[in-house]
Amino acid sequence: MTKIYCDTSNLADIRKSIKKYKIQGVTTNPSIMRNEGVQFYKKHCLKILNIIGNRPLSVEVFSDENHEIIDQAYKISKLAKNIYVKIPVINTKGKFLKKVITELNNNDVKINITAVFTIDQIKKIKKVINKKSPVIISIFCGRIADNGIDPEPIIRKAKKIFQGYKNVEILWASVRETFNFAQAKRTGTDIITAPPKFIDKFYSKKLSLKEYSRTTVEQFFLDGKKSKYKL
């Protein structure tokens, strides 16, 4: 069964997603927080933790140097037992963060290895993690698809690579459309994380394609009428 996490830092949306949809976790990152006007990183993380109870929360570091990433990761991990520290799979120069991942994983820090795009990256991760410390591998399926590549084979390959790793969960990230939920389920993805607007769509009542066709034609007709176009 694919778990649904909410990808946001908006406190009201998190409360709604928990109450209405029973979401099972929350993910966020510096870009989301910045876009939502968060000014105090740690303080805001604590606010999220206060809302979500024992559900997992993935919070990302915001450095590019190994020692700084490790330092930030330890600080973030100490906020709560249900924290996963999001670590980019590579730095801004494209270098695999082997030292960072290995140290944190060997010291029982729950990590969410993020911005994963390739099978090569997934294989490298396998070589440096153990079979006991919890690890989430976030594959950016939406961005992969935006680049003209089908992400489903990558997810299936990742699931096969980590077969037997009970501590590892594969996450479908970077949701772009409602259909991604169906894709995540049919590929056996452990988790899908999505912005609140897509979680609403996941659970909304769907139109039949016949009715969707009719309402689409009606929309075009009414817009043309309102615009008072003439030929």
Protein backbone atom coordinates (compact mmCIF):
# COMPACT_ATOMS: atom_id res chain seq x y z
CA MET A 1 0.00 0.00 0.00
CA THR A 2 1.37 3.40 -1.00
CA LYS A 3 1.46 5.92 1.85
CA ILE A 4 0.61 9.56 1.14
CA TYR A 5 2.71 12.37 2.58
CA CYS A 6 1.97 16.08 2.29
CA ASP A 7 4.72 18.15 0.66
CA THR A 8 4.42 21.57 2.27
CA SER A 9 5.32 23.74 5.24
CA ASN A 10 1.92 25.42 5.47
CA LEU A 11 0.54 24.69 8.92
CA ALA A 12 -3.11 25.06 7.96
CA ASP A 13 -2.69 22.70 5.01
CA ILE A 14 -0.96 20.15 7.21
CA ARG A 15 -3.79 20.26 9.76
CA LYS A 16 -6.37 19.87 7.00
CA SER A 17 -4.51 16.98 5.34
CA ILE A 18 -4.28 15.12 8.62
CA LYS A 19 -7.89 15.70 9.65
CA LYS A 20 -9.54 15.22 6.26
CA TYR A 21 -7.27 12.72 4.50
CA LYS A 22 -5.34 11.01 7.31
CA ILE A 23 -2.02 11.63 5.55
CA GLN A 24 0.81 9.59 7.00
CA GLY A 25 3.71 12.03 6.93
CA VAL A 26 5.04 15.43 5.85
CA THR A 27 7.97 16.47 3.67
CA THR A 28 9.38 19.92 3.07
CA ASN A 29 12.51 21.66 1.81
CA PRO A 30 14.17 25.11 1.84
CA SER A 31 12.49 26.16 -1.42
CA ILE A 32 9.01 25.32 -0.12
CA MET A 33 9.68 27.11 3.15
CA ARG A 34 11.05 30.20 1.42
CA ASN A 35 8.11 30.34 -1.01
CA GLU A 36 5.67 30.05 1.91
CA GLY A 37 7.34 32.90 3.81
CA VAL A 38 8.99 30.89 6.59
CA GLN A 39 11.64 33.01 8.32
CA PHE A 40 12.79 30.83 11.22
CA TYR A 41 13.66 27.33 10.02
CA LYS A 42 14.04 25.45 13.31
CA LYS A 43 11.11 27.22 14.96
CA HIS A 44 8.85 26.36 12.05
CA CYS A 45 9.95 22.71 12.08
CA LEU A 46 8.96 22.54 15.73
CA LYS A 47 5.53 23.97 14.86
CA ILE A 48 5.05 21.24 12.24
CA LEU A 49 6.15 18.56 14.70
CA ASN A 50 3.63 19.84 17.22
CA ILE A 51 0.86 19.28 14.67
CA ILE A 52 1.79 15.92 13.20
CA GLY A 53 2.26 13.86 16.35
CA ASN A 54 4.39 10.79 15.67
CA ARG A 55 4.07 10.95 11.89
CA PRO A 56 7.41 11.23 10.07
CA LEU A 57 8.66 14.66 9.00
CA SER A 58 11.39 15.05 6.40
CA VAL A 59 13.39 18.29 6.76
CA GLU A 60 16.23 19.23 4.43
CA VAL A 61 19.69 20.60 5.12
CA PHE A 62 20.72 23.79 3.34
CA SER A 63 24.47 23.53 2.85
CA ASP A 64 26.77 22.23 0.09
CA GLU A 65 29.89 21.34 2.10
CA ASN A 66 30.21 17.90 3.69
CA HIS A 67 31.08 19.04 7.21
CA GLU A 68 28.31 21.65 7.23
CA ILE A 69 25.72 19.17 5.92
CA ILE A 70 26.71 16.66 8.61
CA ASP A 71 26.58 19.32 11.33
CA GLN A 72 23.15 20.52 10.20
CA ALA A 73 21.91 16.93 9.90
CA TYR A 74 22.78 16.10 13.50
CA LYS A 75 21.08 19.27 14.72
CA ILE A 76 17.93 18.54 12.71
CA SER A 77 17.85 14.89 13.78
CA LYS A 78 17.79 15.91 17.44
CA LEU A 79 14.54 17.84 17.04
CA ALA A 80 12.44 14.68 17.33
CA LYS A 81 12.53 10.90 16.97
CA ASN A 82 10.23 11.03 13.93
CA ILE A 83 12.52 13.38 11.95
CA TYR A 84 14.11 12.26 8.70
CA VAL A 85 16.96 14.49 7.55
CA LYS A 86 16.79 15.19 3.83
CA ILE A 87 20.25 14.87 2.26
CA PRO A 88 20.80 15.62 -1.44
CA VAL A 89 22.25 12.63 -3.26
CA ILE A 90 24.88 14.92 -4.80
CA ASN A 91 26.24 18.41 -4.12
CA THR A 92 25.99 21.38 -6.51
CA LYS A 93 29.15 20.17 -8.32
CA GLY A 94 27.51 16.81 -9.02
CA LYS A 95 29.64 14.86 -6.53
CA PHE A 96 27.97 11.90 -4.81
CA LEU A 97 27.73 12.62 -1.08
CA LYS A 98 29.15 9.25 -0.03
CA LYS A 99 30.87 10.49 3.14
CA VAL A 100 27.76 12.32 4.37
CA ILE A 101 25.35 9.46 3.72
CA THR A 102 27.69 6.84 5.20
CA GLU A 103 28.38 8.74 8.41
CA LEU A 104 24.77 9.63 9.12
CA ASN A 105 23.48 6.18 8.20
CA ASN A 106 26.08 4.45 10.39
CA ASN A 107 25.17 6.70 13.31
CA ASP A 108 21.47 5.83 13.20
CA VAL A 109 20.29 9.16 11.77
CA LYS A 110 17.09 8.65 9.79
CA ILE A 111 17.79 10.07 6.33
CA ASN A 112 15.75 10.93 3.27
CA ILE A 113 18.13 10.92 0.31
CA THR A 114 16.60 13.44 -2.04
CA ALA A 115 16.85 14.74 -5.63
CA VAL A 116 17.54 11.22 -6.92
CA PHE A 117 17.17 10.95 -10.69
CA THR A 118 19.24 8.03 -12.00
CA ILE A 119 19.73 4.29 -11.58
CA ASP A 120 23.45 4.96 -11.14
CA GLN A 121 22.70 7.16 -8.11
CA ILE A 122 20.43 4.46 -6.68
CA LYS A 123 23.15 1.82 -7.05
CA LYS A 124 25.68 4.09 -5.36
CA ILE A 125 23.31 4.58 -2.43
CA LYS A 126 22.97 0.83 -1.99
CA LYS A 127 26.73 0.44 -1.71
CA VAL A 128 27.03 2.85 1.24
CA ILE A 129 23.99 2.20 3.45
CA ASN A 130 23.31 -0.54 5.98
CA LYS A 131 20.23 -2.70 6.43
CA LYS A 132 19.07 -1.31 9.77
CA SER A 133 18.95 2.51 9.88
CA PRO A 134 15.77 3.92 8.28
CA VAL A 135 16.29 5.42 4.82
CA ILE A 136 13.86 7.04 2.37
CA ILE A 137 15.01 7.41 -1.23
CA SER A 138 13.16 10.26 -2.94
CA ILE A 139 13.07 9.81 -6.71
CA PHE A 140 12.01 12.99 -8.50
CA CYS A 141 9.58 11.32 -10.87
CA GLY A 142 7.78 14.52 -11.89
CA ARG A 143 10.96 16.23 -13.05
CA ILE A 144 12.12 13.04 -14.75
CA ALA A 145 8.84 12.95 -16.70
CA ASP A 146 9.16 16.66 -17.50
CA ASN A 147 12.46 15.74 -19.13
CA GLY A 148 10.69 13.32 -21.47
CA ILE A 149 11.63 10.12 -19.62
CA ASP A 150 9.20 7.60 -18.11
CA PRO A 151 9.93 7.40 -14.35
CA GLU A 152 8.07 4.13 -13.78
CA PRO A 153 10.93 1.82 -14.89
CA ILE A 154 13.27 3.72 -12.56
CA ILE A 155 10.92 3.15 -9.61
CA ARG A 156 10.56 -0.54 -10.44
CA LYS A 157 14.33 -0.91 -10.74
CA ALA A 158 14.84 0.87 -7.41
CA LYS A 159 12.37 -1.48 -5.72
CA LYS A 160 14.27 -4.45 -7.15
CA ILE A 161 17.67 -3.07 -6.12
CA PHE A 162 16.53 -2.64 -2.53
CA GLN A 163 14.64 -5.90 -2.28
CA GLY A 164 15.48 -7.32 1.13
CA TYR A 165 16.24 -3.89 2.64
CA LYS A 166 13.37 -3.60 5.11
CA ASN A 167 14.78 -0.28 6.33
CA VAL A 168 14.51 1.38 2.90
CA GLU A 169 11.41 3.04 1.43
CA ILE A 170 11.13 4.36 -2.12
CA LEU A 171 9.32 7.69 -2.44
CA TRP A 172 7.67 9.18 -5.55
CA ALA A 173 8.53 12.89 -5.41
CA SER A 174 7.90 15.97 -7.52
CA VAL A 175 4.24 15.25 -8.27
CA ARG A 176 2.95 17.02 -11.36
CA GLU A 177 -0.51 15.51 -11.92
CA THR A 178 -3.18 13.42 -10.22
CA PHE A 179 -2.31 10.38 -12.36
CA ASN A 180 1.04 10.16 -10.54
CA PHE A 181 -0.84 8.57 -7.63
CA ALA A 182 -2.02 5.72 -9.86
CA GLN A 183 1.51 5.34 -11.21
CA ALA A 184 2.97 5.20 -7.70
CA LYS A 185 0.51 2.50 -6.67
CA ARG A 186 1.02 0.31 -9.73
CA THR A 187 4.81 0.45 -9.40
CA GLY A 188 4.66 -0.54 -5.73
CA THR A 189 6.11 2.77 -4.54
CA ASP A 190 6.17 2.89 -0.75
CA ILE A 191 5.38 6.61 -0.41
CA ILE A 192 4.15 9.43 -2.61
CA THR A 193 4.52 13.00 -1.39
CA ALA A 194 2.39 15.69 -2.95
CA PRO A 195 1.44 19.33 -2.49
CA PRO A 196 -1.94 19.87 -0.76
CA LYS A 197 -3.75 20.74 -4.00
CA PHE A 198 -2.92 17.33 -5.44
CA ILE A 199 -3.94 15.50 -2.29
CA ASP A 200 -7.32 17.21 -2.66
CA LYS A 201 -7.46 15.90 -6.24
CA PHE A 202 -6.43 12.38 -5.21
CA TYR A 203 -9.53 12.13 -3.06
CA SER A 204 -11.98 14.23 -5.06
CA LYS A 205 -14.92 12.69 -6.89
CA LYS A 206 -13.91 11.97 -10.47
CA LEU A 207 -16.06 12.74 -13.52
CA SER A 208 -16.70 10.09 -16.12
CA LEU A 209 -14.74 10.84 -19.28
CA LYS A 210 -18.06 11.30 -21.11
CA GLU A 211 -19.14 13.96 -18.61
CA TYR A 212 -15.68 15.53 -18.60
CA SER A 213 -15.95 15.89 -22.37
CA ARG A 214 -19.32 17.61 -22.06
CA THR A 215 -18.20 20.05 -19.34
CA THR A 216 -15.11 20.92 -21.37
CA VAL A 217 -17.20 21.79 -24.42
CA GLU A 218 -19.56 23.77 -22.18
CA GLN A 219 -16.61 25.73 -20.75
CA PHE A 220 -15.36 26.68 -24.22
CA PHE A 221 -18.89 27.64 -25.34
CA LEU A 222 -19.58 29.84 -22.30
CA ASP A 223 -16.21 31.58 -22.55
CA GLY A 224 -16.84 32.32 -26.20
CA LYS A 225 -20.30 33.66 -25.37
CA LYS A 226 -19.03 35.85 -22.51
CA SER A 227 -16.32 37.28 -24.74
CA LYS A 228 -18.94 38.29 -27.35
CA TYR A 229 -16.68 37.24 -30.19
CA LYS A 230 -17.90 37.92 -33.76
CA LEU A 231 -16.70 36.84 -37.16
